[in-house]
Structures are given as C-alpha cells and as structure tokens.
PDB file of N, CA and C in Angstrom:
ATOM      1  N   UNK A   1      19.178 -21.869  21.172  1.00  0.00           N
ATOM      2  CA  UNK A   1      18.531 -21.923  18.775  1.00  0.00           C
ATOM      3  C   UNK A   1      16.633 -21.689  19.375  1.00  0.00           C
ATOM      4  N   UNK A   2      16.936 -20.003  18.248  1.00  0.00           N
ATOM      5  CA  UNK A   2      15.599 -19.393  18.165  1.00  0.00           C
ATOM      6  C   UNK A   2      14.433 -20.444  17.397  1.00  0.00           C
ATOM      7  N   UNK A   3      13.253 -20.098  18.377  1.00  0.00           N
ATOM      8  CA  UNK A   3      12.011 -20.884  18.556  1.00  0.00           C
ATOM      9  C   UNK A   3      10.996 -20.743  17.012  1.00  0.00           C
ATOM     10  N   UNK A   4      11.310 -19.327  17.041  1.00  0.00           N
ATOM     11  CA  UNK A   4      10.381 -18.556  15.400  1.00  0.00           C
ATOM     12  C   UNK A   4      10.612 -19.560  13.905  1.00  0.00           C
ATOM     13  N   UNK A   5       9.963 -19.487  13.495  1.00  0.00           N
ATOM     14  CA  UNK A   5       9.887 -19.999  11.787  1.00  0.00           C
ATOM     15  C   UNK A   5      10.326 -18.943  11.578  1.00  0.00           C
ATOM     16  N   UNK A   6      11.803 -19.050  10.482  1.00  0.00           N
ATOM     17  CA  UNK A   6      11.944 -18.176  10.083  1.00  0.00           C
ATOM     18  C   UNK A   6      11.065 -17.499   9.000  1.00  0.00           C
ATOM     19  N   UNK A   7      10.075 -18.090   8.469  1.00  0.00           N
ATOM     20  CA  UNK A   7       9.097 -17.682   7.453  1.00  0.00           C
ATOM     21  C   UNK A   7       8.335 -16.127   8.032  1.00  0.00           C
ATOM     22  N   UNK A   8       8.298 -16.679   9.674  1.00  0.00           N
ATOM     23  CA  UNK A   8       7.424 -15.407  10.305  1.00  0.00           C
ATOM     24  C   UNK A   8       7.866 -14.435  10.396  1.00  0.00           C
ATOM     25  N   UNK A   9       9.762 -14.226  10.203  1.00  0.00           N
ATOM     26  CA  UNK A   9       9.977 -13.027  10.082  1.00  0.00           C
ATOM     27  C   UNK A   9      10.151 -12.226   9.077  1.00  0.00           C
ATOM     28  N   UNK A  10       9.578 -12.957   7.881  1.00  0.00           N
ATOM     29  CA  UNK A  10       9.237 -12.349   6.485  1.00  0.00           C
ATOM     30  C   UNK A  10       8.485 -10.893   7.371  1.00  0.00           C
ATOM     31  N   UNK A  11       8.584  -9.684   6.794  1.00  0.00           N
ATOM     32  CA  UNK A  11       7.622  -8.874   6.555  1.00  0.00           C
ATOM     33  C   UNK A  11       6.585  -8.510   5.629  1.00  0.00           C
ATOM     34  N   UNK A  12       5.557  -8.485   5.667  1.00  0.00           N
ATOM     35  CA  UNK A  12       4.665  -8.468   4.625  1.00  0.00           C
ATOM     36  C   UNK A  12       4.416  -6.734   4.308  1.00  0.00           C
ATOM     37  N   UNK A  13       4.610  -5.931   3.399  1.00  0.00           N
ATOM     38  CA  UNK A  13       3.747  -4.596   3.321  1.00  0.00           C
ATOM     39  C   UNK A  13       2.670  -4.379   3.194  1.00  0.00           C
ATOM     40  N   UNK A  14       2.662  -3.369   4.140  1.00  0.00           N
ATOM     41  CA  UNK A  14       1.442  -2.582   5.082  1.00  0.00           C
ATOM     42  C   UNK A  14       0.592  -2.091   4.075  1.00  0.00           C
ATOM     43  N   UNK A  15      -0.707  -2.641   3.701  1.00  0.00           N
ATOM     44  CA  UNK A  15      -1.295  -1.875   3.088  1.00  0.00           C
ATOM     45  C   UNK A  15      -2.934  -1.616   4.323  1.00  0.00           C
ATOM     46  N   UNK A  16      -2.888  -0.277   3.825  1.00  0.00           N
ATOM     47  CA  UNK A  16      -3.768   0.287   4.093  1.00  0.00           C
ATOM     48  C   UNK A  16      -5.467   0.053   3.667  1.00  0.00           C
ATOM     49  N   UNK A  17      -6.574   0.346   4.102  1.00  0.00           N
ATOM     50  CA  UNK A  17      -8.160   0.455   3.752  1.00  0.00           C
ATOM     51  C   UNK A  17      -8.156   1.183   2.505  1.00  0.00           C
ATOM     52  N   UNK A  18      -8.621   0.651   1.099  1.00  0.00           N
ATOM     53  CA  UNK A  18      -9.015   0.928   0.330  1.00  0.00           C
ATOM     54  C   UNK A  18     -10.061   2.104   0.333  1.00  0.00           C
ATOM     55  N   UNK A  19      -9.923   3.281  -0.372  1.00  0.00           N
ATOM     56  CA  UNK A  19     -10.287   4.517  -0.582  1.00  0.00           C
ATOM     57  C   UNK A  19     -12.201   4.712  -1.554  1.00  0.00           C
ATOM     58  N   UNK A  20     -12.621   5.749  -0.979  1.00  0.00           N
ATOM     59  CA  UNK A  20     -13.756   5.425  -1.254  1.00  0.00           C
ATOM     60  C   UNK A  20     -13.968   5.060  -3.229  1.00  0.00           C
ATOM     61  N   UNK A  21     -13.294   5.723  -3.860  1.00  0.00           N
ATOM     62  CA  UNK A  21     -13.184   5.879  -5.215  1.00  0.00           C
ATOM     63  C   UNK A  21     -12.174   4.402  -6.018  1.00  0.00           C
ATOM     64  N   UNK A  22     -11.293   3.728  -5.201  1.00  0.00           N
ATOM     65  CA  UNK A  22     -10.775   2.559  -5.275  1.00  0.00           C
ATOM     66  C   UNK A  22     -11.800   1.905  -5.358  1.00  0.00           C
ATOM     67  N   UNK A  23     -12.695   1.413  -4.481  1.00  0.00           N
ATOM     68  CA  UNK A  23     -13.725   0.437  -3.768  1.00  0.00           C
ATOM     69  C   UNK A  23     -14.635   0.238  -5.015  1.00  0.00           C
ATOM     70  N   UNK A  24     -15.180   1.471  -5.543  1.00  0.00           N
ATOM     71  CA  UNK A  24     -15.778   2.097  -6.396  1.00  0.00           C
ATOM     72  C   UNK A  24     -15.643   1.393  -7.855  1.00  0.00           C
ATOM     73  N   UNK A  25     -14.028   2.160  -8.047  1.00  0.00           N
ATOM     74  CA  UNK A  25     -13.696   0.976  -9.142  1.00  0.00           C
ATOM     75  C   UNK A  25     -13.565  -0.093  -9.223  1.00  0.00           C
ATOM     76  N   UNK A  26     -12.914  -0.665  -8.135  1.00  0.00           N
ATOM     77  CA  UNK A  26     -12.581  -2.356  -7.630  1.00  0.00           C
ATOM     78  C   UNK A  26     -14.273  -2.990  -8.245  1.00  0.00           C
ATOM     79  N   UNK A  27     -15.427  -2.183  -7.678  1.00  0.00           N
ATOM     80  CA  UNK A  27     -16.578  -2.689  -8.100  1.00  0.00           C
ATOM     81  C   UNK A  27     -17.436  -2.606  -9.483  1.00  0.00           C
ATOM     82  N   UNK A  28     -16.780  -2.230 -10.270  1.00  0.00           N
ATOM     83  CA  UNK A  28     -16.910  -2.045 -11.469  1.00  0.00           C
ATOM     84  C   UNK A  28     -16.157  -3.307 -12.016  1.00  0.00           C
ATOM     85  N   UNK A  29     -14.675  -2.973 -11.949  1.00  0.00           N
ATOM     86  CA  UNK A  29     -14.000  -4.037 -12.803  1.00  0.00           C
ATOM     87  C   UNK A  29     -14.773  -5.633 -12.103  1.00  0.00           C
ATOM     88  N   UNK A  30     -15.391  -5.916 -11.212  1.00  0.00           N
ATOM     89  CA  UNK A  30     -15.807  -7.566 -10.666  1.00  0.00           C
ATOM     90  C   UNK A  30     -17.069  -7.607 -11.604  1.00  0.00           C
ATOM     91  N   UNK A  31     -18.222  -6.037 -11.569  1.00  0.00           N
ATOM     92  CA  UNK A  31     -18.989  -6.230 -12.739  1.00  0.00           C
ATOM     93  C   UNK A  31     -19.031  -6.384 -14.311  1.00  0.00           C
ATOM     94  N   UNK A  32     -17.883  -6.177 -14.383  1.00  0.00           N
ATOM     95  CA  UNK A  32     -17.679  -6.267 -16.201  1.00  0.00           C
ATOM     96  C   UNK A  32     -16.868  -6.929 -15.944  1.00  0.00           C
ATOM     97  N   UNK A  33     -15.952  -8.091 -15.266  1.00  0.00           N
ATOM     98  CA  UNK A  33     -15.354  -9.394 -15.344  1.00  0.00           C
ATOM     99  C   UNK A  33     -16.613 -10.532 -15.280  1.00  0.00           C
ATOM    100  N   UNK A  34     -17.601 -10.328 -14.466  1.00  0.00           N
ATOM    101  CA  UNK A  34     -18.791 -11.239 -14.734  1.00  0.00           C
ATOM    102  C   UNK A  34     -19.380 -11.025 -15.892  1.00  0.00           C
ATOM    103  N   UNK A  35     -19.844  -9.718 -16.442  1.00  0.00           N
ATOM    104  CA  UNK A  35     -20.394  -9.909 -17.069  1.00  0.00           C
ATOM    105  C   UNK A  35     -19.949 -10.767 -18.496  1.00  0.00           C
ATOM    106  N   UNK A  36     -17.928 -10.176 -18.789  1.00  0.00           N
ATOM    107  CA  UNK A  36     -17.501 -10.878 -19.875  1.00  0.00           C
ATOM    108  C   UNK A  36     -17.913 -12.473 -19.949  1.00  0.00           C
ATOM    109  N   UNK A  37     -17.546 -12.997 -17.937  1.00  0.00           N
ATOM    110  CA  UNK A  37     -17.996 -14.392 -18.181  1.00  0.00           C
ATOM    111  C   UNK A  37     -19.179 -14.915 -18.398  1.00  0.00           C
ATOM    112  N   UNK A  38     -20.134 -13.682 -18.479  1.00  0.00           N
ATOM    113  CA  UNK A  38     -21.636 -14.567 -18.714  1.00  0.00           C
ATOM    114  C   UNK A  38     -21.679 -14.168 -20.271  1.00  0.00           C
ATOM    115  N   UNK A  39     -21.084 -13.865 -20.899  1.00  0.00           N
ATOM    116  CA  UNK A  39     -21.336 -13.854 -22.613  1.00  0.00           C
ATOM    117  C   UNK A  39     -20.509 -14.374 -22.986  1.00  0.00           C
ATOM    118  N   UNK A  40     -19.026 -14.964 -22.698  1.00  0.00           N
ATOM    119  CA  UNK A  40     -18.630 -16.366 -22.594  1.00  0.00           C
ATOM    120  C   UNK A  40     -19.654 -17.305 -22.650  1.00  0.00           C
ATOM    121  N   UNK A  41     -20.366 -17.557 -21.682  1.00  0.00           N
ATOM    122  CA  UNK A  41     -20.847 -18.590 -21.310  1.00  0.00           C
ATOM    123  C   UNK A  41     -22.104 -18.845 -22.290  1.00  0.00           C
ATOM    124  N   UNK A  42     -22.909 -17.539 -22.131  1.00  0.00           N
ATOM    125  CA  UNK A  42     -23.890 -17.850 -23.109  1.00  0.00           C
ATOM    126  C   UNK A  42     -23.567 -18.011 -24.240  1.00  0.00           C
ATOM    127  N   UNK A  43     -22.080 -17.615 -25.285  1.00  0.00           N
ATOM    128  CA  UNK A  43     -21.881 -17.927 -26.615  1.00  0.00           C
ATOM    129  C   UNK A  43     -21.325 -19.619 -26.637  1.00  0.00           C
ATOM    130  N   UNK A  44     -20.580 -19.988 -25.462  1.00  0.00           N
ATOM    131  CA  UNK A  44     -20.145 -21.634 -25.177  1.00  0.00           C
ATOM    132  C   UNK A  44     -21.409 -22.185 -25.430  1.00  0.00           C
ATOM    133  N   UNK A  45     -22.731 -22.220 -24.909  1.00  0.00           N
ATOM    134  CA  UNK A  45     -23.941 -23.009 -24.771  1.00  0.00           C
ATOM    135  C   UNK A  45     -24.237 -23.016 -26.178  1.00  0.00           C
ATOM    136  N   UNK A  46     -24.987 -22.123 -26.528  1.00  0.00           N
ATOM    137  CA  UNK A  46     -25.236 -21.526 -27.973  1.00  0.00           C
ATOM    138  C   UNK A  46     -24.612 -22.350 -29.011  1.00  0.00           C
ATOM    139  N   UNK A  47     -23.086 -22.690 -28.849  1.00  0.00           N
ATOM    140  CA  UNK A  47     -22.337 -23.304 -29.682  1.00  0.00           C
ATOM    141  C   UNK A  47     -22.658 -24.735 -29.287  1.00  0.00           C
ATOM    142  N   UNK A  48     -23.440 -25.432 -28.352  1.00  0.00           N
ATOM    143  CA  UNK A  48     -23.421 -26.380 -27.769  1.00  0.00           C
ATOM    144  C   UNK A  48     -24.494 -27.235 -28.524  1.00  0.00           C
ATOM    145  N   UNK A  49     -25.308 -25.666 -28.364  1.00  0.00           N
ATOM    146  CA  UNK A  49     -26.516 -26.898 -28.725  1.00  0.00           C
ATOM    147  C   UNK A  49     -26.925 -26.341 -29.507  1.00  0.00           C
TER     148      UNK A  49
END
C-alpha cells in the first residue's frame, strides 16, 4: 500500500518568473486597484458623515 498521499501526485503547472514588463503591468494594476478602493472609501465616508 503506497504511503504517499493522492493529493501529492497531482502536478501543478510550472510557472516561470515574471518578466520586467509583466511585473510593471502588475504594479500598475495594484496601484489602480488601490486608488479605486480609496475613491470608494472616501465616497462611503462622505455618505456617512
């Protein structure tokens, strides 16, 4: 009887490191998302006050 867990037999797809352009684009998306959250937070605070 094998001692390995069946879940350990599932191979995950290999992912390489991000390129410079991909890293830059990811950074832009993170900043845009943070700004969007900030806008909604300020708008929500304005409605409460």
